[in-house]
Protein backbone atom coordinates (compact mmCIF):
# COMPACT_ATOMS: atom_id res chain seq x y z
CA MET A 1 -16.23 53.90 -40.08
CA LYS A 2 -12.79 53.49 -38.56
CA ARG A 3 -14.20 54.47 -35.18
CA THR A 4 -16.85 51.73 -35.49
CA LYS A 5 -14.23 49.09 -36.30
CA TRP A 6 -12.12 50.26 -33.36
CA LEU A 7 -15.09 49.98 -30.96
CA MET A 8 -15.88 46.50 -32.26
CA SER A 9 -12.25 45.44 -31.69
CA VAL A 10 -12.30 46.77 -28.11
CA LEU A 11 -15.58 44.97 -27.44
CA ALA A 12 -14.16 41.67 -28.75
CA VAL A 13 -11.10 41.96 -26.49
CA MET A 14 -13.31 42.72 -23.46
CA LEU A 15 -15.49 39.70 -24.18
CA MET A 16 -12.41 37.50 -24.48
CA LEU A 17 -10.98 38.74 -21.18
CA THR A 18 -14.34 38.23 -19.48
CA ALA A 19 -14.41 34.63 -20.68
CA CYS A 20 -10.90 34.04 -19.37
CA ASN A 21 -11.75 35.51 -15.98
CA LYS A 22 -14.84 33.34 -15.77
CA ASP A 23 -12.73 30.22 -16.29
CA ASP A 24 -10.21 31.31 -13.68
CA ASP A 25 -12.95 31.97 -11.14
CA THR A 26 -14.18 28.36 -11.33
CA PRO A 27 -12.14 26.52 -8.66
CA ASP A 28 -13.35 23.02 -9.55
CA LYS A 29 -12.64 23.29 -13.28
CA PRO A 30 -10.07 20.60 -14.24
CA GLN A 31 -6.58 21.82 -15.01
CA GLU A 32 -6.73 20.00 -18.34
CA ALA A 33 -9.18 22.64 -19.59
CA LYS A 34 -6.44 25.25 -19.15
CA GLY A 35 -3.86 23.23 -21.02
CA VAL A 36 -1.55 22.86 -17.99
CA PRO A 37 0.60 19.70 -18.26
CA MET A 38 0.42 17.33 -15.28
CA LEU A 39 3.00 14.57 -14.76
CA VAL A 40 2.20 11.56 -12.55
CA THR A 41 4.88 8.98 -11.78
CA ILE A 42 4.25 6.02 -9.47
CA VAL A 43 7.19 4.21 -7.83
CA PHE A 44 7.22 0.60 -6.57
CA GLU A 45 9.64 -1.37 -4.44
CA PRO A 46 12.14 -3.48 -6.42
CA GLY A 47 10.42 -6.41 -8.11
CA GLN A 48 6.97 -5.54 -6.77
CA LEU A 49 5.06 -5.68 -10.05
CA GLY A 50 3.78 -8.41 -12.32
CA ALA A 51 1.70 -10.93 -10.35
CA MET A 52 -1.73 -9.27 -10.35
CA CYS A 53 -1.08 -7.91 -6.87
CA THR A 54 -2.28 -4.63 -5.37
CA ASN A 55 0.57 -2.73 -7.03
CA ASP A 56 -0.58 -3.82 -10.47
CA TYR A 57 -3.97 -2.27 -9.81
CA LEU A 58 -2.33 0.93 -8.59
CA GLN A 59 -0.30 1.09 -11.79
CA LEU A 60 -3.48 0.48 -13.77
CA ASP A 61 -5.14 3.40 -11.95
CA VAL A 62 -2.36 5.75 -13.07
CA HIS A 63 -2.37 4.36 -16.61
CA THR A 64 -6.16 4.64 -16.94
CA PHE A 65 -6.17 8.12 -15.44
CA ALA A 66 -3.55 9.33 -17.94
CA ASN A 67 -5.46 7.78 -20.85
CA GLU A 68 -8.65 9.54 -19.77
CA HIS A 69 -6.84 12.91 -19.84
CA PRO A 70 -4.44 12.52 -22.78
CA ASP A 71 -4.12 16.25 -23.42
CA SER A 72 -3.12 17.18 -19.89
CA VAL A 73 -1.68 14.16 -18.03
CA VAL A 74 1.41 12.07 -18.66
CA GLY A 75 1.67 8.90 -16.57
CA SER A 76 4.72 6.72 -15.94
CA PHE A 77 6.08 4.23 -13.41
CA ILE A 78 9.38 3.17 -11.83
CA CYS A 79 10.02 -0.42 -10.74
CA LEU A 80 13.65 -1.53 -10.85
CA ARG A 81 15.66 -4.40 -9.40
CA THR A 82 17.37 -2.65 -6.46
CA PHE A 83 16.73 0.26 -4.13
CA GLU A 84 19.88 2.01 -5.35
CA ARG A 85 18.69 1.93 -8.97
CA THR A 86 15.30 3.16 -7.80
CA ARG A 87 16.91 6.07 -5.94
CA VAL A 88 18.89 7.05 -9.03
CA ALA A 89 15.74 6.91 -11.18
CA ILE A 90 13.87 9.19 -8.75
CA GLN A 91 16.79 11.60 -8.70
CA GLU A 92 16.84 11.69 -12.51
CA TRP A 93 13.07 12.29 -12.50
CA ALA A 94 13.55 15.24 -10.15
CA GLU A 95 16.41 16.76 -12.16
CA ALA A 96 14.53 16.37 -15.45
CA GLY A 97 11.94 18.88 -14.27
CA LYS A 98 14.31 21.70 -13.33
CA ASP A 99 13.99 23.38 -16.72
CA ALA A 100 10.27 22.65 -17.17
CA PRO A 101 7.71 25.50 -17.30
CA GLY A 102 6.85 26.91 -13.89
CA SER A 103 3.13 26.25 -14.36
CA GLU A 104 3.67 22.52 -14.74
CA HIS A 105 2.60 20.30 -11.81
CA ARG A 106 4.26 16.95 -11.16
CA LEU A 107 3.25 14.23 -8.70
CA LEU A 108 5.53 11.48 -7.39
CA ILE A 109 3.69 8.53 -5.80
CA LEU A 110 5.64 6.26 -3.43
CA THR A 111 3.70 3.05 -2.83
CA SER A 112 5.59 1.88 0.26
CA PRO A 113 7.31 3.48 3.26
CA GLU A 114 10.38 1.44 2.30
CA LEU A 115 10.80 3.83 -0.61
CA MET A 116 11.46 6.76 1.72
CA ARG A 117 15.12 5.74 1.71
CA CYS A 118 15.18 6.47 -2.02
CA MET A 119 14.43 10.15 -1.37
CA LYS A 120 17.89 10.78 0.10
CA GLY A 121 19.67 13.47 -1.90
CA VAL A 122 16.62 14.15 -4.08
CA THR A 123 15.73 17.82 -4.58
CA LEU A 124 12.27 18.39 -6.00
CA ARG A 125 11.06 21.41 -7.91
CA GLU A 126 8.93 24.09 -6.26
CA ASN A 127 5.65 22.79 -7.70
CA ASP A 128 6.43 19.08 -7.27
CA GLN A 129 4.26 17.10 -4.86
CA VAL A 130 4.64 13.69 -3.22
CA LEU A 131 1.92 11.19 -2.35
CA MET A 132 2.90 8.28 -0.09
CA LEU A 133 0.87 5.12 0.50
CA ARG A 134 0.96 2.96 3.66
CA THR A 135 3.01 5.66 5.36
CA TRP A 136 2.33 7.53 8.58
CA LEU A 137 2.03 11.26 8.02
CA ASP A 138 4.87 12.22 10.38
CA ASP A 139 7.21 9.78 8.62
CA ALA A 140 6.18 11.09 5.21
CA LYS A 141 6.68 14.72 6.17
CA ALA A 142 10.19 13.90 7.39
CA VAL A 143 11.31 13.12 3.82
CA GLY A 144 8.78 14.90 1.59
CA PRO A 145 8.66 18.58 0.62
CA VAL A 146 7.13 20.90 3.22
CA GLY A 147 3.48 21.65 2.49
CA ARG A 148 3.46 19.43 -0.61
CA THR A 149 3.51 15.97 0.97
CA HIS A 150 0.38 13.82 1.22
CA VAL A 151 -0.48 10.32 2.45
CA LEU A 152 -3.22 7.91 1.39
CA ASN A 153 -3.68 4.98 3.75
CA LEU A 154 -6.06 2.15 4.62
CA SER A 155 -6.75 0.85 8.12
CA TYR A 156 -7.02 -2.93 8.51
CA ALA A 157 -8.18 -2.61 12.11
CA LYS A 158 -11.69 -3.94 11.47
CA ALA A 159 -10.41 -6.85 9.37
CA VAL A 160 -7.79 -7.79 11.99
CA ARG A 161 -10.44 -7.90 14.72
CA GLN A 162 -12.63 -10.04 12.48
CA ALA A 163 -9.71 -12.40 11.84
CA VAL A 164 -8.93 -12.82 15.55
CA GLU A 165 -12.58 -13.55 16.32
CA ARG A 166 -12.93 -15.97 13.39
CA TYR A 167 -9.78 -17.97 14.05
CA ASN A 168 -10.30 -18.20 17.78
CA ALA A 169 -13.81 -19.54 17.17
CA ASN A 170 -12.45 -22.06 14.65
CA TYR A 171 -9.86 -23.35 17.09
CA GLN A 172 -12.46 -23.65 19.84
CA GLU A 173 -14.62 -25.75 17.51
CA ILE A 174 -11.82 -27.93 16.16
CA TYR A 175 -10.44 -28.75 19.62
CA ALA A 176 -13.76 -28.73 21.51
CA ASP A 177 -13.36 -32.34 22.67
CA THR A 178 -9.95 -31.73 24.25
CA LEU A 179 -10.13 -28.16 25.55
CA ASP A 180 -10.70 -29.23 29.16
CA SER A 181 -7.42 -31.12 29.21
CA PHE A 182 -5.33 -27.99 28.65
CA SER A 183 -4.09 -26.25 31.76
CA GLN A 184 -3.20 -23.08 29.87
CA LYS A 185 -5.00 -21.35 27.01
CA GLU A 186 -3.38 -18.55 24.99
CA CYS A 187 -4.40 -16.28 22.11
CA GLY A 188 -1.86 -16.15 19.35
CA PRO A 189 0.99 -16.19 18.55
CA TYR A 190 0.44 -13.46 15.96
CA LYS A 191 3.03 -12.92 13.25
CA ILE A 192 3.19 -10.32 10.50
CA TYR A 193 5.25 -11.32 7.47
CA ARG A 194 6.53 -8.55 5.19
CA THR A 195 9.42 -8.05 2.81
CA PHE A 196 11.07 -5.91 5.51
CA CYS A 197 10.30 -5.31 9.18
CA SER A 198 12.47 -2.19 9.50
CA VAL A 199 9.74 0.38 8.78
CA HIS A 200 6.50 1.37 10.46
CA VAL A 201 3.70 0.53 8.01
CA ALA A 202 0.49 2.58 8.25
CA ASP A 203 -2.08 -0.21 8.00
CA SER A 204 -2.98 -0.63 11.71
CA ILE A 205 -2.21 -4.37 11.90
CA VAL A 206 0.37 -4.12 14.68
CA GLU A 207 -1.51 -1.32 16.44
CA THR A 208 -4.78 -3.29 16.51
CA LEU A 209 -3.17 -6.48 17.81
CA HIS A 210 -1.39 -4.49 20.49
CA GLU A 211 -4.68 -2.84 21.44
CA LEU A 212 -6.41 -6.23 21.68
CA PHE A 213 -3.56 -7.79 23.65
CA PRO A 214 -1.67 -5.01 25.47
CA GLU A 215 0.12 -7.56 27.66
CA LYS A 216 1.96 -8.99 24.65
CA LYS A 217 5.22 -7.43 23.59
CA ILE A 218 5.94 -6.63 19.97
CA GLY A 219 8.90 -8.75 18.96
CA TYR A 220 11.40 -8.25 16.16
CA PRO A 221 13.43 -11.38 15.32
CA PHE A 222 17.19 -11.00 15.63
CA ASP A 223 16.70 -7.72 17.48
CA ASN A 224 19.27 -7.78 20.26
CA THR A 225 17.58 -4.87 22.04
CA ASN A 226 14.53 -7.00 22.89
CA GLU A 227 15.65 -10.01 24.88
CA ASP A 228 12.17 -11.16 25.94
CA THR A 229 10.25 -11.63 22.70
CA GLY A 230 8.41 -14.69 24.03
CA LEU A 231 6.51 -17.38 22.15
CA TYR A 232 3.19 -15.56 22.19
CA ASP A 233 4.35 -12.08 21.29
CA ILE A 234 3.24 -10.07 18.28
CA MET A 235 6.10 -10.75 15.90
CA ASN A 236 7.23 -8.83 12.82
CA TRP A 237 9.14 -10.92 10.32
CA GLY A 238 11.00 -9.59 7.28
CA LEU A 239 12.66 -11.34 4.37
CA GLY A 240 15.91 -9.44 4.64
CA GLU A 241 17.95 -6.63 6.05
CA ILE A 242 18.24 -3.24 4.38
CA ASP A 243 20.52 -3.66 1.37
CA GLU A 244 20.49 -0.99 -1.29
CA GLN A 245 22.22 -3.20 -3.87
CA GLN A 246 20.40 -6.48 -3.28
CA ASP A 247 18.18 -7.75 -6.08
CA GLN A 248 14.76 -8.37 -4.56
CA CYS A 249 13.40 -10.00 -7.71
CA ASN A 250 14.62 -13.45 -6.62
CA TRP A 251 12.77 -13.57 -3.32
CA SER A 252 9.91 -15.74 -4.57
CA GLU A 253 11.75 -18.96 -3.78
CA MET A 254 12.69 -17.64 -0.34
CA VAL A 255 9.02 -16.98 0.47
CA PHE A 256 8.07 -20.48 -0.66
CA ILE A 257 10.72 -22.02 1.60
CA MET A 258 9.74 -19.84 4.55
CA SER A 259 6.12 -20.97 4.17
CA TRP A 260 7.12 -24.30 5.65
CA ALA A 261 7.97 -22.60 8.94
CA THR A 262 4.92 -20.37 9.37
CA TRP A 263 2.48 -23.02 10.56
CA VAL A 264 2.26 -23.28 14.35
CA ASP A 265 1.05 -26.35 16.24
CA PRO A 266 -1.89 -25.16 18.41
CA ILE A 267 -1.05 -27.82 21.00
CA SER A 268 2.34 -27.65 22.65
CA GLU A 269 3.33 -29.02 26.07
CA GLY A 270 -0.11 -28.68 27.59
CA VAL A 271 -0.68 -25.21 26.17
CA PHE A 272 -3.56 -24.51 23.77
CA CYS A 273 -2.88 -21.54 21.47
CA GLN A 274 -4.71 -19.91 18.54
CA PRO A 275 -2.14 -18.65 16.03
CA ILE A 276 -2.65 -16.32 13.07
CA GLN A 277 -0.15 -15.18 10.45
CA PHE A 278 -0.75 -11.98 8.49
CA VAL A 279 1.12 -12.37 5.19
CA ASP A 280 2.00 -9.16 3.32
CA TYR A 281 4.76 -10.01 0.83
CA GLY A 282 3.22 -8.07 -2.04
CA VAL A 283 4.00 -9.72 -5.36
CA PHE A 284 5.77 -12.57 -3.54
CA THR A 285 2.57 -13.50 -1.71
CA ARG A 286 1.78 -15.64 -4.77
CA SER A 287 4.62 -17.96 -3.70
CA TYR A 288 3.06 -18.28 -0.25
CA GLU A 289 -0.30 -19.14 -1.80
CA TRP A 290 1.37 -21.68 -4.08
CA TYR A 291 2.83 -23.45 -1.06
CA TRP A 292 -0.64 -24.08 0.37
CA ILE A 293 -2.05 -25.10 -3.02
CA THR A 294 0.72 -27.69 -3.52
CA HIS A 295 0.60 -28.94 0.09
CA GLY A 296 -3.16 -29.22 0.42
CA TYR A 297 -2.91 -32.95 1.03
CA ASN A 298 -1.44 -32.29 4.49
CA ASP A 299 -3.70 -32.25 7.53
CA GLU A 300 -2.48 -28.74 8.30
CA GLN A 301 -5.09 -26.06 7.70
CA PRO A 302 -3.95 -22.56 6.72
CA GLN A 303 -3.66 -20.25 9.71
CA CYS A 304 -2.92 -17.20 7.61
CA VAL A 305 -4.63 -14.06 6.37
CA ILE A 306 -3.29 -12.90 3.02
CA ILE A 307 -2.91 -9.14 2.50
CA GLY A 308 -3.64 -8.52 -1.17
CA GLU A 309 -5.70 -9.66 -4.12
CA TYR A 310 -7.24 -13.11 -4.41
CA GLY A 311 -4.79 -15.59 -5.86
CA ASN A 312 -6.46 -18.98 -5.51
CA ILE A 313 -9.69 -20.88 -4.90
CA GLU A 314 -8.03 -24.16 -3.99
CA GLU A 315 -7.17 -23.69 -0.33
CA LYS A 316 -8.99 -22.21 2.65
CA LEU A 317 -7.10 -18.93 2.67
CA ASP A 318 -8.66 -15.74 3.98
CA TYR A 319 -7.84 -12.31 2.53
CA ILE A 320 -7.74 -8.63 3.36
CA VAL A 321 -8.06 -6.95 -0.06
CA PRO A 322 -6.81 -3.32 -0.14
CA LYS A 323 -8.72 -0.91 -2.37
CA TYR A 324 -6.97 2.48 -2.38
CA ASN A 325 -9.14 4.10 -5.05
CA LEU A 326 -6.08 6.02 -6.21
CA LYS A 327 -7.86 7.12 -9.35
CA SER A 328 -10.35 9.15 -7.28
CA TRP A 329 -7.51 10.87 -5.43
CA LEU A 330 -5.83 11.72 -8.74
CA SER A 331 -9.04 13.15 -10.19
CA ARG A 332 -9.38 15.54 -7.27
CA TRP A 333 -5.72 16.44 -7.52
CA LEU A 334 -6.09 17.21 -11.20
CA ALA A 335 -8.98 19.58 -10.48
CA ASN A 336 -7.19 21.37 -7.64
CA PRO A 337 -3.56 20.27 -7.23
CA ASP A 338 -2.63 22.91 -4.65
CA ASN A 339 -5.47 22.20 -2.25
CA MET A 340 -5.25 18.49 -1.43
CA PRO A 341 -5.42 17.34 2.21
CA GLU A 342 -2.23 16.15 3.87
CA GLU A 343 -3.79 12.89 5.04
CA GLU A 344 -6.58 10.62 3.81
CA TRP A 345 -7.72 7.20 4.96
CA GLY A 346 -9.71 5.25 2.39
CA GLU A 347 -12.54 2.82 2.98
CA ALA A 348 -11.44 0.18 5.48
CA PRO A 349 -11.34 -3.32 3.95
CA ARG A 350 -13.02 -6.19 5.74
CA LEU A 351 -11.88 -9.76 6.16
CA THR A 352 -12.99 -11.80 3.15
CA ILE A 353 -13.14 -15.46 4.12
CA TRP A 354 -12.67 -18.31 1.69
CA GLU A 355 -16.29 -19.46 1.93
CA GLU A 356 -17.34 -16.11 0.47
CA PHE A 357 -15.03 -16.23 -2.53
CA GLU A 358 -17.72 -16.90 -5.13
CA SER A 359 -19.95 -14.07 -3.89
CA TYR A 360 -16.91 -11.76 -3.66
CA GLN A 361 -15.87 -12.64 -7.20
CA GLY A 362 -19.36 -11.89 -8.47
CA LYS A 363 -19.09 -8.31 -7.17
CA GLN A 364 -15.94 -7.54 -9.13
């Protein structure tokens, strides 16, 4: 009798071990089924949340993802008033995991290449990984952990080409009666407006314009190293210089004031030009939109393409709407955190023109 009970006990242990091995041999089985805690923290530039911009949807992706896996994922976000405070928060996040179980995976998501400066002095744990958005892979690997750094980007190349074609055609139509009187015809000027112009953003705007117009130099205002920026160059404009202590949350008024200066007269001293401004201020883009809504009585027509979510239906503004599908990336990471590709480019957004707003809205 005792021998029978002993054999039954051995058989039960063998069956249990077999079941465990079967689970381990399934590479696509989510980590949550094994009870391994996964921490996901998404970081935003100072003040870049709260106006239904792209960042708000990225935060929602993380929040929804954590809610769908409550037993295995903890989601959080960092969005403070200065870069220095953000750097300290990231450093505290890194140090908080030093005593955590070795099987725990943690993911830090940086939503802008500007946040790379906040990684100075930060030492991550062995299992920690970093995902960077809008960042070129070589730049990301220069600050992220070796072998555990990833990028998720979108190329606006197609949308930029569509914008150039659309606006040039519009100008040709508007000024059809007077085109013959111009001795010189130029494409552009093209200007890219961002919060900063000190980093190389991985969205292909500058690269595509340079490819279309290789004869035009890329200009950086107030850059003493480039003396010949020229009127028709591809220009990068930023709101401010790098300042770790500056509070970026008060830039909305600055964007509104700067909106007065973005419009370019297509006719100047016998020259016919076809300007476009690509506006990528993030949460502060709402101030730029508000300028056009409140100044719609002017004869000036918007010459800009807004990078971000729709913010109005009042003015003839065109948009490039980024859709990162971060939730999909996180789902694959959860299933196999140690086997994610270094670089991914999501579905390229197209130019969404104001005439299509109602049909676009119906698809959401």
